[in-house]
Amino acid sequence: MLQIGNIVNIFSKLLHIKDCAPATRRTLFNKVESTFALIKPISSSAHGKVITFIMKKGFRIVRMKNGKISKDFAMELYKSIAGNSMLPIIVDYITGGEVIGLELVAPEAVKKWRSCLGATEPKDAAPGTLRNLYGENILRNIAHGCNTLEDATEMLELFFGNENGLPRIPFRATFKDCTCCVIKPHAVIEGNVGAILEQISTSEKFFISAMAMFPVKLANAEEFYEVYKGVLPEYEAMCIHLAEGKCIALEVKSINSNTNPVCEFRKLCGPRDPDLCRQLYPDSIRAQYGKTIIHNAVHCTDLPEDGESEVEYFFKLMAND
């Protein structure tokens, strides 16, 4: 939690860490930098494994969203191989499906991420590297990494930046026939994002149509949870926790169009109390990754009629905040 830019909860007061002493910076944040990572169009069931790999390697994910990229973006991404006969094939592949962009932070992040990826050709990649584990061939080799810090900075702006008040890479939310899931800050910090995404994607009942990481201000958390004010005694603590770190919002849909996504997804999450979940629904998300009623891994929409409005809160209101 004690990273520059983070918000920490000290006796229910939220403190924003803006800087640190020079000695602390030299000791803890020496050579810390950001890089851009792109998970290529792969099966959604593999997204969780890739993100778990990234977090276990010591990277901190500070921005994340899924999207579709244009040919112009792809050409910029692969400008280092301009003139290569493979470039048109790569561009067609990378623009033909959904990708996930991430900003990863670590000491010497650019170099470290390329090392974790392994060789471009998966069969030549070192054992334990991402491409060695999950890559199929030189085209479908799971993910992309930038060569220099300058390239990473440029691609981060192109993927996550805004132009004329709108995101350059639009959010994928449809706001229709959906439910909202929010992976809470403690689950993000504890490295459980990948496992939760994998459980949703491999459930054979749901698919994730949109995902993005958001910082939530306390006022936004209070507004989002307003329906629980005066109803749940944990309301204030719930708001504080949602605002004390970044969360990941998901638009979740049912594979079966005749199934109500809100009601069915609540079954996958389990009751609010993780201890109760572990007794009655041990395979639920909250049973496996929740700790307390406040730190219960995920928020999910309660009422069938609120699924679309909760998704809109993040992917419309928060996205433009």
C-alpha atoms as a PDB file:
ATOM      1  CA  MET A   1       0.000   0.000   0.000  1.00  0.00           C
ATOM      2  CA  LEU A   2       2.862   2.399   0.715  1.00  0.00           C
ATOM      3  CA  GLN A   3       3.475   3.403  -2.889  1.00  0.00           C
ATOM      4  CA  ILE A   4       3.533   6.959  -4.199  1.00  0.00           C
ATOM      5  CA  GLY A   5       0.086   7.700  -5.629  1.00  0.00           C
ATOM      6  CA  ASN A   6      -1.724   5.230  -3.382  1.00  0.00           C
ATOM      7  CA  ILE A   7      -4.419   6.102  -0.849  1.00  0.00           C
ATOM      8  CA  VAL A   8      -4.066   4.488   2.569  1.00  0.00           C
ATOM      9  CA  ASN A   9      -6.626   4.126   5.332  1.00  0.00           C
ATOM     10  CA  ILE A  10      -5.231   5.257   8.714  1.00  0.00           C
ATOM     11  CA  PHE A  11      -7.874   4.942  11.439  1.00  0.00           C
ATOM     12  CA  SER A  12     -10.677   5.528   8.889  1.00  0.00           C
ATOM     13  CA  LYS A  13      -8.945   8.601   7.437  1.00  0.00           C
ATOM     14  CA  LEU A  14      -7.888   8.358   3.817  1.00  0.00           C
ATOM     15  CA  LEU A  15      -4.416   9.737   3.144  1.00  0.00           C
ATOM     16  CA  HIS A  16      -3.057  10.241  -0.375  1.00  0.00           C
ATOM     17  CA  ILE A  17       0.675   9.501  -0.635  1.00  0.00           C
ATOM     18  CA  LYS A  18       2.056  12.186  -2.934  1.00  0.00           C
ATOM     19  CA  ASP A  19       5.806  11.925  -2.305  1.00  0.00           C
ATOM     20  CA  CYS A  20       8.437  10.618   0.090  1.00  0.00           C
ATOM     21  CA  ALA A  21      11.794  11.600   1.550  1.00  0.00           C
ATOM     22  CA  PRO A  22      14.804  11.395  -0.804  1.00  0.00           C
ATOM     23  CA  ALA A  23      16.347   8.538   1.187  1.00  0.00           C
ATOM     24  CA  THR A  24      13.097   6.571   1.029  1.00  0.00           C
ATOM     25  CA  ARG A  25      12.826   7.187  -2.693  1.00  0.00           C
ATOM     26  CA  ARG A  26      16.387   5.953  -3.253  1.00  0.00           C
ATOM     27  CA  THR A  27      15.803   2.837  -1.141  1.00  0.00           C
ATOM     28  CA  LEU A  28      12.308   1.776  -2.139  1.00  0.00           C
ATOM     29  CA  PHE A  29      11.670   3.337  -5.540  1.00  0.00           C
ATOM     30  CA  ASN A  30      15.071   3.194  -7.215  1.00  0.00           C
ATOM     31  CA  LYS A  31      14.636   2.846 -10.998  1.00  0.00           C
ATOM     32  CA  VAL A  32      10.864   2.309 -10.624  1.00  0.00           C
ATOM     33  CA  GLU A  33       9.139   3.018 -13.943  1.00  0.00           C
ATOM     34  CA  SER A  34       6.006   2.247 -15.954  1.00  0.00           C
ATOM     35  CA  THR A  35       5.675   0.125 -19.050  1.00  0.00           C
ATOM     36  CA  PHE A  36       2.824  -0.689 -21.406  1.00  0.00           C
ATOM     37  CA  ALA A  37       1.668  -4.284 -21.770  1.00  0.00           C
ATOM     38  CA  LEU A  38      -0.928  -5.538 -24.229  1.00  0.00           C
ATOM     39  CA  ILE A  39      -2.632  -8.906 -23.879  1.00  0.00           C
ATOM     40  CA  LYS A  40      -3.389  -9.935 -27.446  1.00  0.00           C
ATOM     41  CA  PRO A  41      -6.681 -11.441 -28.719  1.00  0.00           C
ATOM     42  CA  ILE A  42      -6.756 -14.754 -26.850  1.00  0.00           C
ATOM     43  CA  SER A  43      -9.458 -16.840 -25.224  1.00  0.00           C
ATOM     44  CA  SER A  44     -11.031 -14.965 -22.308  1.00  0.00           C
ATOM     45  CA  SER A  45     -10.473 -18.074 -20.176  1.00  0.00           C
ATOM     46  CA  ALA A  46      -6.721 -17.337 -20.369  1.00  0.00           C
ATOM     47  CA  HIS A  47      -6.948 -13.690 -19.245  1.00  0.00           C
ATOM     48  CA  GLY A  48      -6.928 -14.596 -15.573  1.00  0.00           C
ATOM     49  CA  LYS A  49      -3.852 -16.819 -15.888  1.00  0.00           C
ATOM     50  CA  VAL A  50      -1.912 -14.070 -17.684  1.00  0.00           C
ATOM     51  CA  ILE A  51      -2.821 -11.425 -15.098  1.00  0.00           C
ATOM     52  CA  THR A  52      -1.940 -13.771 -12.228  1.00  0.00           C
ATOM     53  CA  PHE A  53       1.444 -14.386 -13.898  1.00  0.00           C
ATOM     54  CA  ILE A  54       2.029 -10.625 -14.161  1.00  0.00           C
ATOM     55  CA  MET A  55       1.232  -9.935 -10.514  1.00  0.00           C
ATOM     56  CA  LYS A  56       3.287 -12.872  -9.245  1.00  0.00           C
ATOM     57  CA  LYS A  57       6.277 -11.437 -11.099  1.00  0.00           C
ATOM     58  CA  GLY A  58       6.090  -8.354  -8.864  1.00  0.00           C
ATOM     59  CA  PHE A  59       4.431  -5.875 -11.209  1.00  0.00           C
ATOM     60  CA  ARG A  60       1.870  -3.440  -9.853  1.00  0.00           C
ATOM     61  CA  ILE A  61      -1.062  -2.882 -12.221  1.00  0.00           C
ATOM     62  CA  VAL A  62      -2.038   0.796 -12.048  1.00  0.00           C
ATOM     63  CA  ARG A  63      -4.212   1.053 -15.183  1.00  0.00           C
ATOM     64  CA  MET A  64      -6.132  -1.599 -17.059  1.00  0.00           C
ATOM     65  CA  LYS A  65      -8.979  -1.883 -19.544  1.00  0.00           C
ATOM     66  CA  ASN A  66     -10.138  -4.046 -22.406  1.00  0.00           C
ATOM     67  CA  GLY A  67     -10.827  -2.653 -25.850  1.00  0.00           C
ATOM     68  CA  LYS A  68     -10.386  -2.973 -29.597  1.00  0.00           C
ATOM     69  CA  ILE A  69      -7.559  -1.135 -31.322  1.00  0.00           C
ATOM     70  CA  SER A  70      -7.437   0.461 -34.755  1.00  0.00           C
ATOM     71  CA  LYS A  71      -4.949  -0.308 -37.518  1.00  0.00           C
ATOM     72  CA  ASP A  72      -3.297   3.070 -36.884  1.00  0.00           C
ATOM     73  CA  PHE A  73      -2.728   2.107 -33.242  1.00  0.00           C
ATOM     74  CA  ALA A  74      -1.383  -1.303 -34.268  1.00  0.00           C
ATOM     75  CA  MET A  75       1.012   0.266 -36.769  1.00  0.00           C
ATOM     76  CA  GLU A  76       2.325   2.575 -34.044  1.00  0.00           C
ATOM     77  CA  LEU A  77       2.649  -0.365 -31.660  1.00  0.00           C
ATOM     78  CA  TYR A  78       4.729  -2.324 -34.169  1.00  0.00           C
ATOM     79  CA  LYS A  79       6.649   0.528 -35.767  1.00  0.00           C
ATOM     80  CA  SER A  80       9.900  -1.186 -34.756  1.00  0.00           C
ATOM     81  CA  ILE A  81       9.253  -3.881 -37.396  1.00  0.00           C
ATOM     82  CA  ALA A  82       8.037  -1.559 -40.152  1.00  0.00           C
ATOM     83  CA  GLY A  83       8.834  -3.188 -43.504  1.00  0.00           C
ATOM     84  CA  ASN A  84       8.701  -6.720 -42.090  1.00  0.00           C
ATOM     85  CA  SER A  85       6.616  -9.037 -44.300  1.00  0.00           C
ATOM     86  CA  MET A  86       4.813 -10.305 -41.188  1.00  0.00           C
ATOM     87  CA  LEU A  87       3.527  -6.841 -40.234  1.00  0.00           C
ATOM     88  CA  PRO A  88       0.211  -6.935 -42.209  1.00  0.00           C
ATOM     89  CA  ILE A  89      -0.584 -10.363 -40.726  1.00  0.00           C
ATOM     90  CA  ILE A  90       0.205  -9.155 -37.198  1.00  0.00           C
ATOM     91  CA  VAL A  91      -1.915  -6.016 -37.665  1.00  0.00           C
ATOM     92  CA  ASP A  92      -4.892  -8.048 -38.921  1.00  0.00           C
ATOM     93  CA  TYR A  93      -4.625 -10.374 -35.944  1.00  0.00           C
ATOM     94  CA  ILE A  94      -4.151  -7.713 -33.272  1.00  0.00           C
ATOM     95  CA  THR A  95      -7.062  -5.603 -34.570  1.00  0.00           C
ATOM     96  CA  GLY A  96      -9.377  -8.557 -35.111  1.00  0.00           C
ATOM     97  CA  GLY A  97     -10.333  -9.187 -31.504  1.00  0.00           C
ATOM     98  CA  GLU A  98     -10.432  -7.860 -27.974  1.00  0.00           C
ATOM     99  CA  VAL A  99      -7.216  -6.833 -26.247  1.00  0.00           C
ATOM    100  CA  ILE A 100      -6.387  -5.802 -22.697  1.00  0.00           C
ATOM    101  CA  GLY A 101      -4.043  -2.886 -22.096  1.00  0.00           C
ATOM    102  CA  LEU A 102      -2.162  -2.519 -18.817  1.00  0.00           C
ATOM    103  CA  GLU A 103       0.202  -0.059 -17.212  1.00  0.00           C
ATOM    104  CA  LEU A 104       2.701  -2.064 -15.186  1.00  0.00           C
ATOM    105  CA  VAL A 105       4.960  -0.510 -12.538  1.00  0.00           C
ATOM    106  CA  ALA A 106       8.165  -2.084 -11.225  1.00  0.00           C
ATOM    107  CA  PRO A 107      11.885  -1.366 -11.006  1.00  0.00           C
ATOM    108  CA  GLU A 108      13.152  -1.283 -14.617  1.00  0.00           C
ATOM    109  CA  ALA A 109       9.677  -2.301 -15.730  1.00  0.00           C
ATOM    110  CA  VAL A 110      10.371  -2.097 -19.481  1.00  0.00           C
ATOM    111  CA  LYS A 111      13.298  -4.488 -19.345  1.00  0.00           C
ATOM    112  CA  LYS A 112      11.652  -6.723 -16.758  1.00  0.00           C
ATOM    113  CA  TRP A 113       8.423  -7.119 -18.761  1.00  0.00           C
ATOM    114  CA  ARG A 114      10.289  -8.077 -21.927  1.00  0.00           C
ATOM    115  CA  SER A 115      12.278 -10.618 -19.924  1.00  0.00           C
ATOM    116  CA  CYS A 116       9.071 -12.075 -18.450  1.00  0.00           C
ATOM    117  CA  LEU A 117       7.546 -12.340 -21.932  1.00  0.00           C
ATOM    118  CA  GLY A 118      10.361 -14.429 -23.363  1.00  0.00           C
ATOM    119  CA  ALA A 119      11.386 -14.814 -26.996  1.00  0.00           C
ATOM    120  CA  THR A 120       8.942 -13.777 -29.728  1.00  0.00           C
ATOM    121  CA  GLU A 121       8.688 -17.382 -30.923  1.00  0.00           C
ATOM    122  CA  PRO A 122       7.159 -19.367 -28.010  1.00  0.00           C
ATOM    123  CA  LYS A 123       9.155 -22.517 -28.801  1.00  0.00           C
ATOM    124  CA  ASP A 124      12.354 -20.505 -28.327  1.00  0.00           C
ATOM    125  CA  ALA A 125      11.182 -18.785 -25.121  1.00  0.00           C
ATOM    126  CA  ALA A 126      12.909 -19.676 -21.870  1.00  0.00           C
ATOM    127  CA  PRO A 127      11.066 -22.045 -19.510  1.00  0.00           C
ATOM    128  CA  GLY A 128       8.710 -20.208 -17.180  1.00  0.00           C
ATOM    129  CA  THR A 129       8.311 -17.153 -19.388  1.00  0.00           C
ATOM    130  CA  LEU A 130       4.815 -16.099 -20.403  1.00  0.00           C
ATOM    131  CA  ARG A 131       5.180 -17.089 -24.046  1.00  0.00           C
ATOM    132  CA  ASN A 132       6.740 -20.408 -23.142  1.00  0.00           C
ATOM    133  CA  LEU A 133       3.807 -21.191 -20.867  1.00  0.00           C
ATOM    134  CA  TYR A 134       0.884 -19.997 -22.970  1.00  0.00           C
ATOM    135  CA  GLY A 135       2.075 -18.977 -26.451  1.00  0.00           C
ATOM    136  CA  GLU A 136       0.983 -20.938 -29.540  1.00  0.00           C
ATOM    137  CA  ASN A 137       3.188 -19.534 -32.281  1.00  0.00           C
ATOM    138  CA  ILE A 138       5.050 -16.402 -33.355  1.00  0.00           C
ATOM    139  CA  LEU A 139       1.736 -14.657 -34.136  1.00  0.00           C
ATOM    140  CA  ARG A 140      -0.349 -15.876 -31.204  1.00  0.00           C
ATOM    141  CA  ASN A 141       2.290 -15.302 -28.563  1.00  0.00           C
ATOM    142  CA  ILE A 142       0.008 -13.945 -25.838  1.00  0.00           C
ATOM    143  CA  ALA A 143       1.253 -10.425 -25.196  1.00  0.00           C
ATOM    144  CA  HIS A 144       3.295  -7.457 -26.392  1.00  0.00           C
ATOM    145  CA  GLY A 145       5.993  -5.440 -24.681  1.00  0.00           C
ATOM    146  CA  CYS A 146       7.673  -2.140 -25.556  1.00  0.00           C
ATOM    147  CA  ASN A 147      11.393  -1.912 -26.264  1.00  0.00           C
ATOM    148  CA  THR A 148      12.130   1.439 -24.620  1.00  0.00           C
ATOM    149  CA  LEU A 149      10.748   3.661 -21.884  1.00  0.00           C
ATOM    150  CA  GLU A 150       9.961   6.303 -24.513  1.00  0.00           C
ATOM    151  CA  ASP A 151       7.887   3.833 -26.539  1.00  0.00           C
ATOM    152  CA  ALA A 152       6.080   2.675 -23.381  1.00  0.00           C
ATOM    153  CA  THR A 153       5.217   6.262 -22.396  1.00  0.00           C
ATOM    154  CA  GLU A 154       3.861   6.956 -25.881  1.00  0.00           C
ATOM    155  CA  MET A 155       1.748   3.785 -26.008  1.00  0.00           C
ATOM    156  CA  LEU A 156       0.344   4.385 -22.506  1.00  0.00           C
ATOM    157  CA  GLU A 157      -0.912   7.783 -23.647  1.00  0.00           C
ATOM    158  CA  LEU A 158      -2.353   6.370 -26.885  1.00  0.00           C
ATOM    159  CA  PHE A 159      -4.182   3.558 -25.089  1.00  0.00           C
ATOM    160  CA  PHE A 160      -5.326   5.255 -21.881  1.00  0.00           C
ATOM    161  CA  GLY A 161      -5.362   8.906 -22.884  1.00  0.00           C
ATOM    162  CA  ASN A 162      -8.272  11.098 -23.967  1.00  0.00           C
ATOM    163  CA  GLU A 163      -8.826  13.151 -27.084  1.00  0.00           C
ATOM    164  CA  ASN A 164     -11.476  15.877 -27.247  1.00  0.00           C
ATOM    165  CA  GLY A 165     -12.820  14.682 -23.899  1.00  0.00           C
ATOM    166  CA  LEU A 166     -13.290  11.085 -25.071  1.00  0.00           C
ATOM    167  CA  PRO A 167     -11.064   8.046 -24.475  1.00  0.00           C
ATOM    168  CA  ARG A 168      -8.907   7.200 -27.479  1.00  0.00           C
ATOM    169  CA  ILE A 169      -9.697   3.519 -26.915  1.00  0.00           C
ATOM    170  CA  PRO A 170     -13.441   3.415 -26.082  1.00  0.00           C
ATOM    171  CA  PHE A 171     -14.757   1.380 -23.176  1.00  0.00           C
ATOM    172  CA  ARG A 172     -16.470  -1.859 -24.201  1.00  0.00           C
ATOM    173  CA  ALA A 173     -19.518  -1.614 -21.923  1.00  0.00           C
ATOM    174  CA  THR A 174     -22.879  -2.157 -23.644  1.00  0.00           C
ATOM    175  CA  PHE A 175     -25.153  -1.194 -20.691  1.00  0.00           C
ATOM    176  CA  LYS A 176     -27.639  -3.873 -21.711  1.00  0.00           C
ATOM    177  CA  ASP A 177     -28.644  -7.218 -20.165  1.00  0.00           C
ATOM    178  CA  CYS A 178     -25.773  -7.058 -17.704  1.00  0.00           C
ATOM    179  CA  THR A 179     -24.719  -6.996 -14.082  1.00  0.00           C
ATOM    180  CA  CYS A 180     -21.927  -5.097 -12.359  1.00  0.00           C
ATOM    181  CA  CYS A 181     -19.034  -6.677 -10.516  1.00  0.00           C
ATOM    182  CA  VAL A 182     -16.413  -4.608  -8.705  1.00  0.00           C
ATOM    183  CA  ILE A 183     -13.195  -6.307  -7.625  1.00  0.00           C
ATOM    184  CA  LYS A 184     -12.416  -4.489  -4.399  1.00  0.00           C
ATOM    185  CA  PRO A 185      -9.091  -2.810  -3.533  1.00  0.00           C
ATOM    186  CA  HIS A 186      -7.960  -5.473  -1.073  1.00  0.00           C
ATOM    187  CA  ALA A 187      -8.416  -8.219  -3.685  1.00  0.00           C
ATOM    188  CA  VAL A 188      -6.384  -6.166  -6.173  1.00  0.00           C
ATOM    189  CA  ILE A 189      -3.565  -5.585  -3.672  1.00  0.00           C
ATOM    190  CA  GLU A 190      -3.532  -9.248  -2.626  1.00  0.00           C
ATOM    191  CA  GLY A 191      -3.058 -10.364  -6.238  1.00  0.00           C
ATOM    192  CA  ASN A 192      -6.401 -12.145  -6.629  1.00  0.00           C
ATOM    193  CA  VAL A 193      -7.604 -10.284  -9.742  1.00  0.00           C
ATOM    194  CA  GLY A 194      -6.502 -12.986 -12.170  1.00  0.00           C
ATOM    195  CA  ALA A 195      -8.066 -15.801 -10.171  1.00  0.00           C
ATOM    196  CA  ILE A 196     -11.392 -13.954  -9.910  1.00  0.00           C
ATOM    197  CA  LEU A 197     -11.438 -13.188 -13.641  1.00  0.00           C
ATOM    198  CA  GLU A 198     -10.630 -16.814 -14.384  1.00  0.00           C
ATOM    199  CA  GLN A 199     -13.435 -18.072 -12.160  1.00  0.00           C
ATOM    200  CA  ILE A 200     -15.951 -15.845 -13.941  1.00  0.00           C
ATOM    201  CA  SER A 201     -14.721 -16.637 -17.453  1.00  0.00           C
ATOM    202  CA  THR A 202     -14.562 -20.402 -16.943  1.00  0.00           C
ATOM    203  CA  SER A 203     -17.927 -20.698 -15.181  1.00  0.00           C
ATOM    204  CA  GLU A 204     -19.667 -21.603 -18.494  1.00  0.00           C
ATOM    205  CA  LYS A 205     -22.438 -19.200 -17.464  1.00  0.00           C
ATOM    206  CA  PHE A 206     -20.935 -15.727 -17.849  1.00  0.00           C
ATOM    207  CA  PHE A 207     -18.595 -13.640 -19.931  1.00  0.00           C
ATOM    208  CA  ILE A 208     -16.954 -10.305 -19.177  1.00  0.00           C
ATOM    209  CA  SER A 209     -17.879  -7.742 -21.812  1.00  0.00           C
ATOM    210  CA  ALA A 210     -16.059  -4.761 -20.281  1.00  0.00           C
ATOM    211  CA  MET A 211     -13.383  -4.227 -17.653  1.00  0.00           C
ATOM    212  CA  ALA A 212     -11.440  -1.225 -16.426  1.00  0.00           C
ATOM    213  CA  MET A 213      -9.497  -0.109 -13.363  1.00  0.00           C
ATOM    214  CA  PHE A 214     -10.796   2.986 -11.562  1.00  0.00           C
ATOM    215  CA  PRO A 215      -9.639   5.122  -8.626  1.00  0.00           C
ATOM    216  CA  VAL A 216     -12.744   5.916  -6.567  1.00  0.00           C
ATOM    217  CA  LYS A 217     -13.120   9.083  -4.505  1.00  0.00           C
ATOM    218  CA  LEU A 218     -14.928   8.806  -1.181  1.00  0.00           C
ATOM    219  CA  ALA A 219     -17.813  10.949  -2.489  1.00  0.00           C
ATOM    220  CA  ASN A 220     -18.223   8.571  -5.446  1.00  0.00           C
ATOM    221  CA  ALA A 221     -18.158   5.542  -3.172  1.00  0.00           C
ATOM    222  CA  GLU A 222     -20.850   7.071  -0.965  1.00  0.00           C
ATOM    223  CA  GLU A 223     -22.973   7.801  -4.021  1.00  0.00           C
ATOM    224  CA  PHE A 224     -22.489   4.342  -5.521  1.00  0.00           C
ATOM    225  CA  TYR A 225     -23.377   2.631  -2.232  1.00  0.00           C
ATOM    226  CA  GLU A 226     -26.155   5.104  -1.334  1.00  0.00           C
ATOM    227  CA  VAL A 227     -28.838   2.414  -1.536  1.00  0.00           C
ATOM    228  CA  TYR A 228     -27.220   0.775   1.520  1.00  0.00           C
ATOM    229  CA  LYS A 229     -27.137   3.966   3.635  1.00  0.00           C
ATOM    230  CA  GLY A 230     -29.222   3.446   6.763  1.00  0.00           C
ATOM    231  CA  VAL A 231     -29.763  -0.185   5.751  1.00  0.00           C
ATOM    232  CA  LEU A 232     -26.380  -1.810   6.342  1.00  0.00           C
ATOM    233  CA  PRO A 233     -24.378  -0.929   9.479  1.00  0.00           C
ATOM    234  CA  GLU A 234     -21.218  -1.409   7.411  1.00  0.00           C
ATOM    235  CA  TYR A 235     -22.147   1.360   4.950  1.00  0.00           C
ATOM    236  CA  GLU A 236     -19.450   3.842   6.039  1.00  0.00           C
ATOM    237  CA  ALA A 237     -16.731   1.191   6.190  1.00  0.00           C
ATOM    238  CA  MET A 238     -17.762  -0.105   2.749  1.00  0.00           C
ATOM    239  CA  CYS A 239     -17.374   3.368   1.284  1.00  0.00           C
ATOM    240  CA  ILE A 240     -13.987   3.934   2.897  1.00  0.00           C
ATOM    241  CA  HIS A 241     -12.656   0.624   1.596  1.00  0.00           C
ATOM    242  CA  LEU A 242     -13.816   1.234  -1.984  1.00  0.00           C
ATOM    243  CA  ALA A 243     -11.991   4.577  -1.908  1.00  0.00           C
ATOM    244  CA  GLU A 244      -8.728   3.398  -0.315  1.00  0.00           C
ATOM    245  CA  GLY A 245      -7.276   1.860  -3.459  1.00  0.00           C
ATOM    246  CA  LYS A 246      -7.990   1.179  -7.096  1.00  0.00           C
ATOM    247  CA  CYS A 247     -10.762  -1.243  -7.980  1.00  0.00           C
ATOM    248  CA  ILE A 248     -11.655  -3.065 -11.192  1.00  0.00           C
ATOM    249  CA  ALA A 249     -15.183  -2.707 -12.537  1.00  0.00           C
ATOM    250  CA  LEU A 250     -16.642  -5.394 -14.795  1.00  0.00           C
ATOM    251  CA  GLU A 251     -19.700  -5.573 -16.992  1.00  0.00           C
ATOM    252  CA  VAL A 252     -20.782  -9.202 -16.801  1.00  0.00           C
ATOM    253  CA  LYS A 253     -23.304 -10.885 -19.089  1.00  0.00           C
ATOM    254  CA  SER A 254     -24.987 -14.291 -19.142  1.00  0.00           C
ATOM    255  CA  ILE A 255     -24.047 -16.684 -21.925  1.00  0.00           C
ATOM    256  CA  ASN A 256     -27.677 -17.833 -21.923  1.00  0.00           C
ATOM    257  CA  SER A 257     -29.696 -14.797 -23.005  1.00  0.00           C
ATOM    258  CA  ASN A 258     -32.753 -16.142 -21.144  1.00  0.00           C
ATOM    259  CA  THR A 259     -30.916 -16.030 -17.808  1.00  0.00           C
ATOM    260  CA  ASN A 260     -31.062 -12.983 -15.543  1.00  0.00           C
ATOM    261  CA  PRO A 261     -27.385 -12.025 -15.120  1.00  0.00           C
ATOM    262  CA  VAL A 262     -27.888 -10.183 -11.807  1.00  0.00           C
ATOM    263  CA  CYS A 263     -29.547 -13.070  -9.989  1.00  0.00           C
ATOM    264  CA  GLU A 264     -27.297 -15.778 -11.414  1.00  0.00           C
ATOM    265  CA  PHE A 265     -24.081 -13.871 -10.852  1.00  0.00           C
ATOM    266  CA  ARG A 266     -24.928 -13.310  -7.196  1.00  0.00           C
ATOM    267  CA  LYS A 267     -24.894 -17.099  -6.793  1.00  0.00           C
ATOM    268  CA  LEU A 268     -21.347 -17.234  -8.159  1.00  0.00           C
ATOM    269  CA  CYS A 269     -20.250 -14.483  -5.740  1.00  0.00           C
ATOM    270  CA  GLY A 270     -22.007 -15.941  -2.695  1.00  0.00           C
ATOM    271  CA  PRO A 271     -23.484 -14.124   0.348  1.00  0.00           C
ATOM    272  CA  ARG A 272     -21.865 -10.929   1.671  1.00  0.00           C
ATOM    273  CA  ASP A 273     -20.282 -12.693   4.657  1.00  0.00           C
ATOM    274  CA  PRO A 274     -17.258 -14.772   3.527  1.00  0.00           C
ATOM    275  CA  ASP A 275     -17.429 -16.945   6.671  1.00  0.00           C
ATOM    276  CA  LEU A 276     -20.983 -17.939   5.762  1.00  0.00           C
ATOM    277  CA  CYS A 277     -19.851 -18.547   2.184  1.00  0.00           C
ATOM    278  CA  ARG A 278     -17.115 -20.903   3.321  1.00  0.00           C
ATOM    279  CA  GLN A 279     -19.673 -22.986   5.197  1.00  0.00           C
ATOM    280  CA  LEU A 280     -22.464 -23.036   2.615  1.00  0.00           C
ATOM    281  CA  TYR A 281     -20.909 -22.108  -0.755  1.00  0.00           C
ATOM    282  CA  PRO A 282     -17.192 -22.985  -0.516  1.00  0.00           C
ATOM    283  CA  ASP A 283     -16.640 -22.599  -4.268  1.00  0.00           C
ATOM    284  CA  SER A 284     -18.025 -19.056  -4.433  1.00  0.00           C
ATOM    285  CA  ILE A 285     -15.798 -16.045  -5.112  1.00  0.00           C
ATOM    286  CA  ARG A 286     -16.299 -14.541  -1.659  1.00  0.00           C
ATOM    287  CA  ALA A 287     -15.586 -17.857   0.079  1.00  0.00           C
ATOM    288  CA  GLN A 288     -12.231 -18.138  -1.654  1.00  0.00           C
ATOM    289  CA  TYR A 289     -11.037 -14.521  -1.715  1.00  0.00           C
ATOM    290  CA  GLY A 290     -13.096 -12.677   0.904  1.00  0.00           C
ATOM    291  CA  LYS A 291     -11.868 -12.024   4.458  1.00  0.00           C
ATOM    292  CA  THR A 292     -14.609 -10.014   6.184  1.00  0.00           C
ATOM    293  CA  ILE A 293     -17.991  -8.531   5.307  1.00  0.00           C
ATOM    294  CA  ILE A 294     -16.176  -5.350   4.235  1.00  0.00           C
ATOM    295  CA  HIS A 295     -13.210  -7.070   2.597  1.00  0.00           C
ATOM    296  CA  ASN A 296     -15.351  -9.660   0.812  1.00  0.00           C
ATOM    297  CA  ALA A 297     -13.479  -9.614  -2.520  1.00  0.00           C
ATOM    298  CA  VAL A 298     -16.224  -8.277  -4.799  1.00  0.00           C
ATOM    299  CA  HIS A 299     -19.310  -6.134  -4.977  1.00  0.00           C
ATOM    300  CA  CYS A 300     -22.089  -7.434  -7.186  1.00  0.00           C
ATOM    301  CA  THR A 301     -25.427  -5.883  -8.105  1.00  0.00           C
ATOM    302  CA  ASP A 302     -28.233  -6.772  -5.669  1.00  0.00           C
ATOM    303  CA  LEU A 303     -31.421  -5.897  -7.536  1.00  0.00           C
ATOM    304  CA  PRO A 304     -32.236  -7.153 -11.070  1.00  0.00           C
ATOM    305  CA  GLU A 305     -33.228  -3.675 -12.194  1.00  0.00           C
ATOM    306  CA  ASP A 306     -29.921  -2.098 -11.057  1.00  0.00           C
ATOM    307  CA  GLY A 307     -27.454  -4.027 -13.205  1.00  0.00           C
ATOM    308  CA  GLU A 308     -27.335  -1.572 -16.079  1.00  0.00           C
ATOM    309  CA  SER A 309     -27.307   1.545 -13.873  1.00  0.00           C
ATOM    310  CA  GLU A 310     -24.385   0.270 -11.769  1.00  0.00           C
ATOM    311  CA  VAL A 311     -22.371  -0.505 -14.910  1.00  0.00           C
ATOM    312  CA  GLU A 312     -23.217   2.987 -16.187  1.00  0.00           C
ATOM    313  CA  TYR A 313     -21.963   4.515 -12.935  1.00  0.00           C
ATOM    314  CA  PHE A 314     -18.450   3.291 -13.655  1.00  0.00           C
ATOM    315  CA  PHE A 315     -18.227   3.202 -17.438  1.00  0.00           C
ATOM    316  CA  LYS A 316     -20.096   6.482 -18.034  1.00  0.00           C
ATOM    317  CA  LEU A 317     -19.983   8.670 -14.922  1.00  0.00           C
ATOM    318  CA  MET A 318     -16.628   7.580 -13.466  1.00  0.00           C
ATOM    319  CA  ALA A 319     -15.047   7.316 -16.899  1.00  0.00           C
ATOM    320  CA  ASN A 320     -15.664  11.020 -17.477  1.00  0.00           C
ATOM    321  CA  ASP A 321     -14.822  12.171 -13.960  1.00  0.00           C
END
